[in-house]
N, C-alpha and C. Protein backbone atom coordinates (compact mmCIF):
# COMPACT_ATOMS: atom_id res chain seq x y z
N MET A 1 142.46 97.53 95.92
CA MET A 1 141.29 97.34 96.49
C MET A 1 140.35 97.95 95.61
N SER A 2 139.19 97.21 95.51
CA SER A 2 138.29 97.41 94.56
C SER A 2 137.20 98.64 95.37
N MET A 3 136.50 99.32 94.18
CA MET A 3 135.77 100.42 94.88
C MET A 3 134.53 99.84 95.63
N GLY A 4 134.07 98.64 95.43
CA GLY A 4 132.97 98.06 96.19
C GLY A 4 133.29 97.64 97.53
N LYS A 5 134.70 97.29 97.61
CA LYS A 5 135.17 96.88 98.82
C LYS A 5 135.44 98.35 99.80
N VAL A 6 135.88 99.36 99.21
CA VAL A 6 136.13 100.34 99.86
C VAL A 6 134.71 100.99 100.41
N CYS A 7 133.67 100.87 99.81
CA CYS A 7 132.44 101.24 100.02
C CYS A 7 131.97 100.23 101.27
N LEU A 8 132.29 99.29 101.09
CA LEU A 8 131.79 98.36 102.17
C LEU A 8 132.38 98.56 103.43
N LEU A 9 133.81 98.62 103.41
CA LEU A 9 134.66 99.07 104.55
C LEU A 9 133.97 100.31 105.24
N PHE A 10 133.55 101.41 104.16
CA PHE A 10 133.25 102.76 104.89
C PHE A 10 132.17 102.54 105.57
N LEU A 11 131.03 101.79 104.86
CA LEU A 11 129.85 101.48 105.72
C LEU A 11 130.04 100.68 107.05
N LEU A 12 130.80 99.84 106.97
CA LEU A 12 131.02 99.08 108.09
C LEU A 12 131.73 100.02 109.55
N VAL A 13 132.52 100.97 109.14
CA VAL A 13 133.07 101.91 109.85
C VAL A 13 131.75 102.73 110.39
N CYS A 14 131.17 103.46 109.46
CA CYS A 14 129.91 104.24 109.97
C CYS A 14 128.93 103.26 110.95
N THR A 15 128.79 102.22 110.76
CA THR A 15 127.79 101.37 111.20
C THR A 15 128.28 101.24 112.84
N LEU A 16 129.64 100.99 113.03
CA LEU A 16 130.18 100.97 114.20
C LEU A 16 130.34 101.97 115.10
N CYS A 17 130.31 103.37 114.42
CA CYS A 17 130.61 104.40 114.85
C CYS A 17 129.03 104.74 115.59
N ILE A 18 127.95 104.56 114.84
CA ILE A 18 126.79 105.16 115.33
C ILE A 18 126.48 104.56 116.70
N PRO A 19 126.22 103.27 116.99
CA PRO A 19 125.93 103.08 118.50
C PRO A 19 127.04 103.46 119.45
N ALA A 20 128.30 103.69 119.30
CA ALA A 20 129.23 104.32 119.98
C ALA A 20 128.92 105.53 120.46
N ASN A 21 128.52 106.46 119.32
CA ASN A 21 128.16 107.74 119.59
C ASN A 21 126.85 107.98 120.35
N ALA A 22 125.68 106.90 120.31
CA ALA A 22 124.61 106.97 120.72
C ALA A 22 124.65 106.53 122.36
N GLN A 23 125.72 105.72 122.59
CA GLN A 23 125.97 105.15 123.76
C GLN A 23 126.62 106.39 124.66
N SER A 24 127.04 107.20 124.09
CA SER A 24 128.03 108.36 124.95
C SER A 24 127.09 109.11 125.63
N SER A 25 125.79 109.46 124.91
CA SER A 25 125.03 110.29 125.97
C SER A 25 123.93 109.72 126.74
N GLY A 26 123.14 110.61 127.73
CA GLY A 26 122.11 109.76 128.61
C GLY A 26 120.64 110.63 128.31
N ARG A 27 120.05 110.50 129.30
CA ARG A 27 118.86 110.88 129.15
C ARG A 27 118.39 111.67 130.82
N LEU A 28 117.37 112.39 130.85
CA LEU A 28 117.16 112.99 131.95
C LEU A 28 115.82 113.27 132.03
N SER A 29 115.16 112.83 133.11
CA SER A 29 113.32 113.05 133.01
C SER A 29 113.20 113.24 134.61
N GLY A 30 111.90 114.02 134.54
CA GLY A 30 111.33 114.33 135.69
C GLY A 30 109.87 114.87 135.58
N SER A 31 109.35 115.46 136.71
CA SER A 31 107.82 115.86 136.70
C SER A 31 107.97 116.91 137.54
N VAL A 32 106.88 117.86 137.22
CA VAL A 32 106.75 119.22 137.87
C VAL A 32 105.22 119.45 138.52
N VAL A 33 105.20 119.55 139.58
CA VAL A 33 103.56 119.55 140.53
C VAL A 33 103.52 121.12 141.15
N ASP A 34 102.51 121.35 141.61
CA ASP A 34 102.36 122.85 142.33
C ASP A 34 102.36 122.31 144.02
N ALA A 35 102.02 123.19 144.77
CA ALA A 35 102.27 123.00 146.17
C ALA A 35 101.41 122.24 146.75
N THR A 36 100.11 121.88 146.08
CA THR A 36 99.27 120.90 146.44
C THR A 36 99.45 119.62 145.89
N GLY A 37 100.45 119.13 145.17
CA GLY A 37 100.72 118.02 144.45
C GLY A 37 99.93 117.85 142.99
N ALA A 38 99.14 118.66 142.65
CA ALA A 38 98.71 118.66 141.27
C ALA A 38 99.81 118.93 140.17
N VAL A 39 99.63 118.05 139.11
CA VAL A 39 100.56 118.46 138.10
C VAL A 39 100.47 119.51 137.16
N VAL A 40 101.65 120.02 136.74
CA VAL A 40 101.56 121.27 135.99
C VAL A 40 102.10 120.95 134.67
N PRO A 41 100.95 121.07 133.58
CA PRO A 41 101.53 120.95 132.34
C PRO A 41 101.81 122.16 131.72
N ASP A 42 102.28 122.06 130.53
CA ASP A 42 102.93 123.27 129.79
C ASP A 42 103.85 124.09 130.51
N ALA A 43 104.67 123.29 131.40
CA ALA A 43 105.81 124.57 132.32
C ALA A 43 107.17 124.49 131.53
N GLN A 44 107.92 125.60 131.13
CA GLN A 44 108.72 125.61 130.62
C GLN A 44 110.07 125.35 131.37
N VAL A 45 110.69 124.05 130.95
CA VAL A 45 111.93 123.29 131.69
C VAL A 45 113.23 123.51 130.80
N HIS A 46 114.16 123.91 131.56
CA HIS A 46 115.51 124.57 130.82
C HIS A 46 116.63 123.74 131.49
N LEU A 47 117.53 123.14 130.79
CA LEU A 47 118.81 122.43 131.12
C LEU A 47 119.99 123.33 131.00
N TYR A 48 120.51 123.49 131.81
CA TYR A 48 121.83 124.19 131.98
C TYR A 48 123.09 123.62 132.55
N LEU A 49 124.24 123.85 131.80
CA LEU A 49 125.50 123.21 132.50
C LEU A 49 125.44 124.04 133.88
N THR A 50 126.09 123.32 134.75
CA THR A 50 126.29 123.95 136.26
C THR A 50 126.95 125.57 135.85
N GLY A 51 126.38 126.41 136.69
CA GLY A 51 126.99 127.79 136.51
C GLY A 51 126.80 128.34 135.20
N GLY A 52 126.09 127.80 134.14
CA GLY A 52 125.95 128.20 132.99
C GLY A 52 124.81 129.31 132.86
N SER A 53 125.08 130.18 131.70
CA SER A 53 124.04 131.39 131.92
C SER A 53 123.16 131.12 130.50
N LYS A 54 123.37 130.28 129.69
CA LYS A 54 122.43 130.01 128.53
C LYS A 54 121.67 128.54 128.55
N PRO A 55 120.56 128.22 128.30
CA PRO A 55 120.07 126.79 128.54
C PRO A 55 120.79 126.22 127.16
N LEU A 56 121.17 124.98 127.42
CA LEU A 56 121.81 124.00 126.42
C LEU A 56 120.31 123.34 125.82
N LEU A 57 119.24 122.82 126.72
CA LEU A 57 118.04 122.10 126.31
C LEU A 57 117.11 122.79 126.92
N SER A 58 115.72 122.91 126.21
CA SER A 58 114.59 123.36 126.91
C SER A 58 113.59 122.24 126.24
N ALA A 59 112.54 122.08 127.27
CA ALA A 59 111.38 121.17 127.01
C ALA A 59 110.17 121.86 128.12
N ARG A 60 109.01 121.42 127.51
CA ARG A 60 107.78 121.42 127.91
C ARG A 60 107.26 120.32 128.82
N THR A 61 106.54 120.40 129.82
CA THR A 61 105.97 119.30 130.52
C THR A 61 104.29 119.07 129.76
N ASN A 62 104.30 117.41 129.83
CA ASN A 62 103.06 117.10 128.96
C ASN A 62 102.04 117.11 129.87
N GLY A 63 100.85 116.75 129.57
CA GLY A 63 99.58 116.62 130.23
C GLY A 63 99.57 116.12 131.77
N GLU A 64 100.70 115.25 131.90
CA GLU A 64 100.97 114.65 133.42
C GLU A 64 101.91 115.39 133.96
N GLY A 65 102.51 116.52 133.34
CA GLY A 65 103.64 117.14 134.19
C GLY A 65 105.04 116.73 133.90
N ALA A 66 104.94 115.58 133.18
CA ALA A 66 106.27 115.06 132.89
C ALA A 66 107.11 115.58 131.66
N TYR A 67 108.45 115.58 131.88
CA TYR A 67 109.31 116.22 130.97
C TYR A 67 110.35 115.20 130.75
N ALA A 68 111.08 115.34 129.67
CA ALA A 68 112.47 114.17 129.57
C ALA A 68 113.31 115.20 128.30
N PHE A 69 114.74 115.08 128.64
CA PHE A 69 115.56 115.42 127.86
C PHE A 69 116.62 114.37 127.48
N ILE A 70 116.69 113.93 125.97
CA ILE A 70 117.29 112.81 125.27
C ILE A 70 118.57 113.42 124.55
N GLY A 71 119.53 112.71 124.76
CA GLY A 71 120.86 113.02 124.02
C GLY A 71 121.57 114.12 124.95
N VAL A 72 121.78 113.65 126.08
CA VAL A 72 122.36 114.79 127.20
C VAL A 72 123.84 114.32 127.44
N ARG A 73 124.73 114.92 127.07
CA ARG A 73 126.04 114.74 127.43
C ARG A 73 126.40 114.46 128.88
N PRO A 74 127.22 113.49 129.39
CA PRO A 74 127.55 113.27 130.60
C PRO A 74 128.33 114.58 130.98
N ALA A 75 127.48 115.27 132.22
CA ALA A 75 128.18 116.34 132.77
C ALA A 75 127.13 116.64 134.20
N GLU A 76 127.58 117.64 134.66
CA GLU A 76 126.65 118.17 135.84
C GLU A 76 125.93 119.49 135.22
N TYR A 77 124.44 119.25 135.82
CA TYR A 77 123.63 120.05 135.24
C TYR A 77 122.53 120.77 136.23
N ASP A 78 122.03 121.99 135.75
CA ASP A 78 120.94 122.55 136.55
C ASP A 78 119.67 122.37 135.84
N VAL A 79 118.47 122.05 136.60
CA VAL A 79 117.46 122.08 135.82
C VAL A 79 116.57 123.45 136.40
N ILE A 80 115.57 124.22 135.77
CA ILE A 80 115.24 125.37 135.83
C ILE A 80 113.92 125.30 135.07
N VAL A 81 112.79 125.34 136.11
CA VAL A 81 111.42 125.51 135.53
C VAL A 81 110.55 126.85 136.01
N GLU A 82 110.24 127.33 134.79
CA GLU A 82 109.51 128.64 134.53
C GLU A 82 108.30 128.41 134.25
N VAL A 83 107.26 128.86 135.27
CA VAL A 83 105.48 128.81 134.83
C VAL A 83 105.05 130.34 135.41
N PRO A 84 104.29 131.04 134.29
CA PRO A 84 103.60 131.92 134.72
C PRO A 84 102.74 131.87 136.02
N GLY A 85 102.95 132.84 137.04
CA GLY A 85 102.19 132.56 138.11
C GLY A 85 102.87 131.81 139.44
N PHE A 86 104.04 131.62 139.23
CA PHE A 86 104.39 130.54 139.83
C PHE A 86 105.83 131.11 140.29
N SER A 87 106.77 130.88 140.93
CA SER A 87 108.24 131.22 141.58
C SER A 87 109.05 130.47 140.75
N LYS A 88 110.08 130.98 140.32
CA LYS A 88 111.19 129.83 139.48
C LYS A 88 111.59 128.84 140.47
N ALA A 89 111.46 127.57 139.97
CA ALA A 89 112.12 126.53 140.77
C ALA A 89 113.23 126.22 139.98
N ALA A 90 114.48 125.57 140.71
CA ALA A 90 115.82 125.01 140.39
C ALA A 90 116.09 123.82 141.19
N LEU A 91 116.69 122.91 140.29
CA LEU A 91 117.35 121.53 140.99
C LEU A 91 118.88 121.81 140.50
N ARG A 92 119.57 121.83 141.28
CA ARG A 92 121.14 122.15 140.91
C ARG A 92 122.13 120.76 141.22
N GLY A 93 123.17 120.82 140.40
CA GLY A 93 123.84 119.83 140.62
C GLY A 93 123.52 118.41 140.24
N ILE A 94 122.71 118.15 139.07
CA ILE A 94 122.12 116.85 138.61
C ILE A 94 123.52 116.18 137.95
N VAL A 95 124.02 114.94 138.16
CA VAL A 95 124.75 114.44 137.31
C VAL A 95 124.23 113.59 135.96
N VAL A 96 124.56 113.68 135.09
CA VAL A 96 124.34 112.86 133.87
C VAL A 96 124.88 111.83 133.64
N ASP A 97 124.99 110.38 133.50
CA ASP A 97 125.77 109.37 133.24
C ASP A 97 125.75 108.93 131.88
N ALA A 98 126.67 108.63 131.01
CA ALA A 98 126.38 108.21 129.56
C ALA A 98 125.31 107.03 129.51
N ALA A 99 124.70 106.75 128.61
CA ALA A 99 123.95 105.48 128.17
C ALA A 99 123.00 105.07 129.36
N ARG A 100 122.51 106.28 130.00
CA ARG A 100 121.74 105.88 131.12
C ARG A 100 120.75 107.04 131.38
N GLU A 101 119.48 106.52 131.87
CA GLU A 101 118.53 107.58 132.29
C GLU A 101 118.65 108.01 133.75
N THR A 102 118.68 109.40 133.81
CA THR A 102 118.81 109.60 135.13
C THR A 102 117.40 110.43 135.62
N SER A 103 116.88 109.90 136.65
CA SER A 103 115.51 110.43 136.86
C SER A 103 115.58 111.35 138.16
N VAL A 104 115.24 112.55 137.86
CA VAL A 104 115.48 113.54 138.90
C VAL A 104 114.05 113.73 139.88
N ARG A 105 114.00 114.09 141.21
CA ARG A 105 113.14 114.35 141.98
C ARG A 105 112.17 115.30 141.51
N GLN A 106 111.05 115.19 142.05
CA GLN A 106 109.80 116.17 141.51
C GLN A 106 110.13 117.24 142.10
N ILE A 107 109.98 118.31 140.85
CA ILE A 107 110.14 119.74 141.12
C ILE A 107 108.71 120.22 141.72
N LYS A 108 108.73 120.83 142.83
CA LYS A 108 107.42 121.40 143.53
C LYS A 108 107.44 122.67 143.49
N LEU A 109 106.58 123.28 142.70
CA LEU A 109 106.55 125.01 142.55
C LEU A 109 105.57 125.35 143.31
N GLU A 110 106.10 126.64 144.07
CA GLU A 110 105.15 127.52 144.81
C GLU A 110 104.70 128.75 144.16
N LEU A 111 103.46 129.17 144.59
CA LEU A 111 103.03 130.47 143.96
C LEU A 111 103.74 131.90 144.37
N SER A 112 103.89 132.44 143.12
CA SER A 112 104.80 133.67 143.44
C SER A 112 103.91 134.72 143.99
N GLY A 113 104.56 135.47 144.94
CA GLY A 113 104.12 136.53 145.79
C GLY A 113 102.97 137.12 145.24
N VAL A 114 101.93 137.36 146.13
CA VAL A 114 100.50 138.11 145.52
C VAL A 114 101.13 139.38 145.56
N THR A 115 100.56 140.45 144.48
CA THR A 115 100.82 141.65 144.41
C THR A 115 99.47 142.22 144.53
N GLN A 116 99.37 143.23 145.24
CA GLN A 116 98.46 144.02 145.47
C GLN A 116 98.61 145.34 145.03
N GLU A 117 97.48 145.99 144.14
CA GLU A 117 97.84 147.20 143.59
C GLU A 117 96.77 148.17 144.44
N VAL A 118 97.10 149.24 144.84
CA VAL A 118 96.16 150.25 145.62
C VAL A 118 96.28 151.50 144.76
N GLU A 119 95.12 152.06 144.26
CA GLU A 119 95.23 153.15 143.59
C GLU A 119 94.31 154.22 144.48
N VAL A 120 95.08 155.38 144.80
CA VAL A 120 94.70 156.46 145.49
C VAL A 120 94.43 157.73 144.57
N GLN A 121 93.12 158.17 144.95
CA GLN A 121 92.62 159.16 144.09
C GLN A 121 92.54 160.43 145.20
N ALA A 122 92.81 161.42 144.25
CA ALA A 122 92.82 162.78 145.28
C ALA A 122 91.33 162.98 145.81
N GLY A 123 91.10 163.43 146.92
CA GLY A 123 89.82 163.60 147.73
C GLY A 123 89.98 165.14 147.98
N PRO A 124 88.85 165.75 148.72
CA PRO A 124 88.92 166.90 148.86
C PRO A 124 90.31 167.40 149.78
N GLU A 125 90.51 168.59 149.60
CA GLU A 125 91.64 169.21 150.34
C GLU A 125 91.40 169.54 151.74
N LEU A 126 91.87 168.49 152.61
CA LEU A 126 91.67 168.87 154.09
C LEU A 126 92.53 170.17 154.55
N VAL A 127 93.91 169.98 154.08
CA VAL A 127 94.57 171.06 154.69
C VAL A 127 95.06 172.07 153.76
N PRO A 128 94.77 173.30 153.88
CA PRO A 128 95.14 174.09 152.98
C PRO A 128 96.73 174.32 152.77
N ILE A 129 97.06 174.06 151.54
CA ILE A 129 98.26 174.26 151.06
C ILE A 129 98.66 175.50 150.23
N GLY A 130 97.85 176.15 150.08
CA GLY A 130 98.15 177.32 149.19
C GLY A 130 98.74 178.47 149.99
N ASN A 131 98.40 178.37 151.24
CA ASN A 131 99.28 179.44 152.16
C ASN A 131 99.30 178.84 153.66
N ALA A 132 99.93 179.81 154.45
CA ALA A 132 100.48 178.98 155.91
C ALA A 132 99.46 179.48 156.91
N GLU A 133 98.47 180.27 156.33
CA GLU A 133 97.52 180.70 157.60
C GLU A 133 96.60 179.67 158.10
N ILE A 134 96.63 179.98 159.58
CA ILE A 134 95.96 178.79 160.29
C ILE A 134 94.64 179.55 160.76
N SER A 135 93.39 179.31 160.53
CA SER A 135 92.49 180.00 161.36
C SER A 135 91.19 178.89 161.47
N SER A 136 90.26 179.40 162.67
CA SER A 136 89.39 178.55 163.30
C SER A 136 88.24 179.63 163.49
N THR A 137 86.87 179.20 163.45
CA THR A 137 85.74 180.00 163.95
C THR A 137 85.27 179.39 164.95
N ILE A 138 85.14 180.34 166.13
CA ILE A 138 84.21 179.63 167.50
C ILE A 138 83.12 180.37 167.45
N THR A 139 82.10 179.64 167.59
CA THR A 139 80.63 180.20 167.42
C THR A 139 80.18 180.51 168.99
N MET A 140 79.29 181.44 169.22
CA MET A 140 78.74 182.05 170.53
C MET A 140 78.05 180.84 171.51
N THR A 141 77.67 179.64 170.60
CA THR A 141 77.19 178.33 171.22
C THR A 141 78.43 177.53 171.99
N GLN A 142 79.49 177.86 171.25
CA GLN A 142 80.60 177.13 171.82
C GLN A 142 81.44 178.05 172.91
N ILE A 143 80.95 179.16 172.79
CA ILE A 143 81.71 179.90 174.26
C ILE A 143 80.78 179.88 175.15
N ASP A 144 79.43 179.82 175.05
CA ASP A 144 78.56 179.69 176.16
C ASP A 144 78.75 178.14 176.81
N LYS A 145 79.18 177.07 175.72
CA LYS A 145 79.30 175.75 176.64
C LYS A 145 80.93 175.55 176.94
N LEU A 146 81.76 176.70 177.35
CA LEU A 146 83.25 176.62 177.65
C LEU A 146 83.19 175.71 178.86
N PRO A 147 83.90 174.79 179.21
CA PRO A 147 84.11 174.28 180.37
C PRO A 147 84.92 175.39 181.32
N VAL A 148 84.95 176.29 181.29
CA VAL A 148 85.79 177.54 181.98
C VAL A 148 84.86 178.46 182.86
N LEU A 149 85.23 178.85 183.86
CA LEU A 149 84.40 179.95 184.70
C LEU A 149 84.02 181.11 184.05
N ASP A 150 85.03 181.86 183.28
CA ASP A 150 84.94 183.19 182.90
C ASP A 150 84.40 183.26 181.25
N ARG A 151 84.21 182.01 180.79
CA ARG A 151 83.84 181.83 179.32
C ARG A 151 84.70 182.71 178.32
N ASP A 152 86.06 182.45 178.62
CA ASP A 152 87.03 183.24 178.05
C ASP A 152 87.63 182.44 176.84
N PRO A 153 87.40 183.03 175.67
CA PRO A 153 87.82 182.23 174.22
C PRO A 153 89.25 181.77 174.20
N LEU A 154 90.08 182.54 174.96
CA LEU A 154 91.40 182.07 174.86
C LEU A 154 91.88 181.10 175.73
N GLU A 155 90.87 180.54 176.74
CA GLU A 155 91.13 179.43 177.58
C GLU A 155 90.66 178.30 176.48
N LEU A 156 89.92 178.30 175.69
CA LEU A 156 89.60 177.20 174.83
C LEU A 156 90.72 177.16 173.73
N ILE A 157 91.23 178.50 173.49
CA ILE A 157 92.16 178.24 172.15
C ILE A 157 93.60 177.68 173.06
N GLN A 158 93.79 177.90 173.85
CA GLN A 158 94.86 177.38 174.74
C GLN A 158 94.91 175.68 175.14
N ILE A 159 93.87 175.00 175.01
CA ILE A 159 93.82 173.66 174.96
C ILE A 159 93.82 173.10 173.64
N GLN A 160 94.20 173.86 172.45
CA GLN A 160 94.30 173.10 171.09
C GLN A 160 95.82 173.04 171.01
N PRO A 161 95.82 172.06 169.82
CA PRO A 161 97.29 171.37 169.57
C PRO A 161 98.10 172.64 168.89
N GLY A 162 99.22 172.96 169.20
CA GLY A 162 100.07 173.72 168.75
C GLY A 162 100.23 175.23 169.70
N VAL A 163 99.38 175.28 170.62
CA VAL A 163 99.39 176.45 171.41
C VAL A 163 100.03 176.43 172.55
N VAL A 164 100.86 177.13 173.14
CA VAL A 164 101.84 176.94 174.19
C VAL A 164 101.36 178.34 175.34
N SER A 165 100.96 178.22 176.51
CA SER A 165 101.10 179.15 177.37
C SER A 165 101.20 178.61 178.70
N ASN A 166 102.02 179.25 179.37
CA ASN A 166 102.34 178.87 180.92
C ASN A 166 101.71 179.78 181.97
N GLY A 167 100.94 180.36 181.57
CA GLY A 167 100.06 181.40 182.36
C GLY A 167 101.01 182.72 182.75
N ASN A 168 102.42 182.61 182.69
CA ASN A 168 103.09 183.84 182.99
C ASN A 168 103.57 184.62 181.88
N SER A 169 103.33 184.02 180.54
CA SER A 169 104.00 184.40 179.52
C SER A 169 102.86 184.68 178.34
N THR A 170 103.03 185.25 177.32
CA THR A 170 102.09 185.27 176.36
C THR A 170 101.54 184.08 175.79
N THR A 171 100.54 183.95 175.19
CA THR A 171 99.96 182.59 174.60
C THR A 171 100.67 182.65 173.20
N VAL A 172 101.42 181.48 172.85
CA VAL A 172 101.92 181.18 171.53
C VAL A 172 101.02 180.49 170.70
N ILE A 173 100.92 180.65 169.40
CA ILE A 173 100.10 179.57 168.47
C ILE A 173 100.82 179.31 167.66
N ASN A 174 101.55 178.13 167.25
CA ASN A 174 102.08 177.28 166.25
C ASN A 174 103.50 178.14 166.47
N GLY A 175 104.11 178.70 167.27
CA GLY A 175 105.24 179.22 167.26
C GLY A 175 105.35 180.87 166.59
N LEU A 176 104.31 181.42 166.29
CA LEU A 176 104.07 182.73 165.94
C LEU A 176 104.12 183.80 166.94
N ARG A 177 104.56 184.89 166.68
CA ARG A 177 104.43 185.94 167.72
C ARG A 177 102.86 186.26 167.83
N THR A 178 102.45 186.89 169.10
CA THR A 178 101.40 187.01 169.54
C THR A 178 100.95 188.11 168.53
N SER A 179 101.46 189.00 167.93
CA SER A 179 101.10 190.13 167.11
C SER A 179 100.61 189.32 165.50
N TYR A 180 100.89 188.27 165.31
CA TYR A 180 100.29 187.76 164.07
C TYR A 180 99.12 186.96 164.37
N SER A 181 98.58 186.85 165.85
CA SER A 181 97.30 186.04 165.94
C SER A 181 96.15 187.20 165.88
N ASN A 182 95.25 186.69 165.38
CA ASN A 182 94.10 187.75 165.23
C ASN A 182 92.53 187.01 165.66
N MET A 183 92.16 187.80 166.44
CA MET A 183 90.81 187.22 167.04
C MET A 183 89.70 188.29 166.75
N THR A 184 88.63 187.73 166.21
CA THR A 184 87.50 188.74 165.90
C THR A 184 86.07 188.27 166.52
N LEU A 185 85.02 189.04 166.78
CA LEU A 185 83.97 188.84 167.39
C LEU A 185 82.90 189.45 166.07
N GLU A 186 82.24 188.91 165.38
CA GLU A 186 81.32 189.09 164.50
C GLU A 186 82.10 190.26 163.29
N GLY A 187 83.33 189.63 162.85
CA GLY A 187 84.18 190.35 162.05
C GLY A 187 84.98 191.76 162.38
N ILE A 188 84.75 191.70 163.80
CA ILE A 188 85.66 193.01 164.36
C ILE A 188 86.83 192.48 165.14
N ASN A 189 87.97 192.94 165.08
CA ASN A 189 89.01 192.37 165.74
C ASN A 189 88.90 193.05 167.40
N ILE A 190 89.07 191.95 168.12
CA ILE A 190 88.89 192.28 169.50
C ILE A 190 90.25 191.57 170.47
N GLN A 191 91.19 191.51 169.56
CA GLN A 191 92.60 191.00 170.18
C GLN A 191 93.41 192.31 170.56
N ASP A 192 93.81 192.42 171.64
CA ASP A 192 94.72 193.41 172.03
C ASP A 192 96.06 192.75 172.09
N ASN A 193 96.95 193.07 170.66
CA ASN A 193 98.29 192.49 170.72
C ASN A 193 99.17 192.84 171.64
N TYR A 194 99.02 194.01 172.54
CA TYR A 194 99.77 194.25 173.78
C TYR A 194 99.36 193.66 174.99
N ASN A 195 98.21 192.96 175.35
CA ASN A 195 97.82 192.49 176.24
C ASN A 195 97.93 191.11 176.09
N PRO A 196 98.67 190.12 176.73
CA PRO A 196 98.90 188.83 176.41
C PRO A 196 97.34 187.92 176.85
N ARG A 197 96.48 188.51 177.74
CA ARG A 197 94.97 187.93 178.11
C ARG A 197 94.13 188.96 177.37
């Protein structure tokens, strides 16, 4: 066989193989819209084999929100769409046939959850944390306006939170012993620690 015939035979075989190879792959196309139905341009679309961890092909949507993959081998695929500001969307189990275009349903993206950042700044200290002392000052005007007959300041103290008194025992303030309580009048201690009243 001459060299010319060999080259001609080789070109003939190559020419027959090209259409056979081109017909063994398919095409996949679709579109991406948002929740209102508006097209989403420049969305990143990935094509995965079903259960795969790395995309085989990637594309971006055009100005009309359309995308297409060409030269896709016949198999079952997942289409994953990612766009900043939207939740990731997926279509699973799409079967691509050889030498055929597979159109998938429209992918509708939902807005991702709105995150709200709250910044808290330290304000004035309302509860003293430097010590465990609890104190309060009662003015003479407050004593004059007490809703009790004998104007006893201890009666006012007994209606405060953390104060326990049942009338027969000593008054307990925040669980402390009565000897730890200190009542003063104009800076002078007027508390009799041995007399509960």
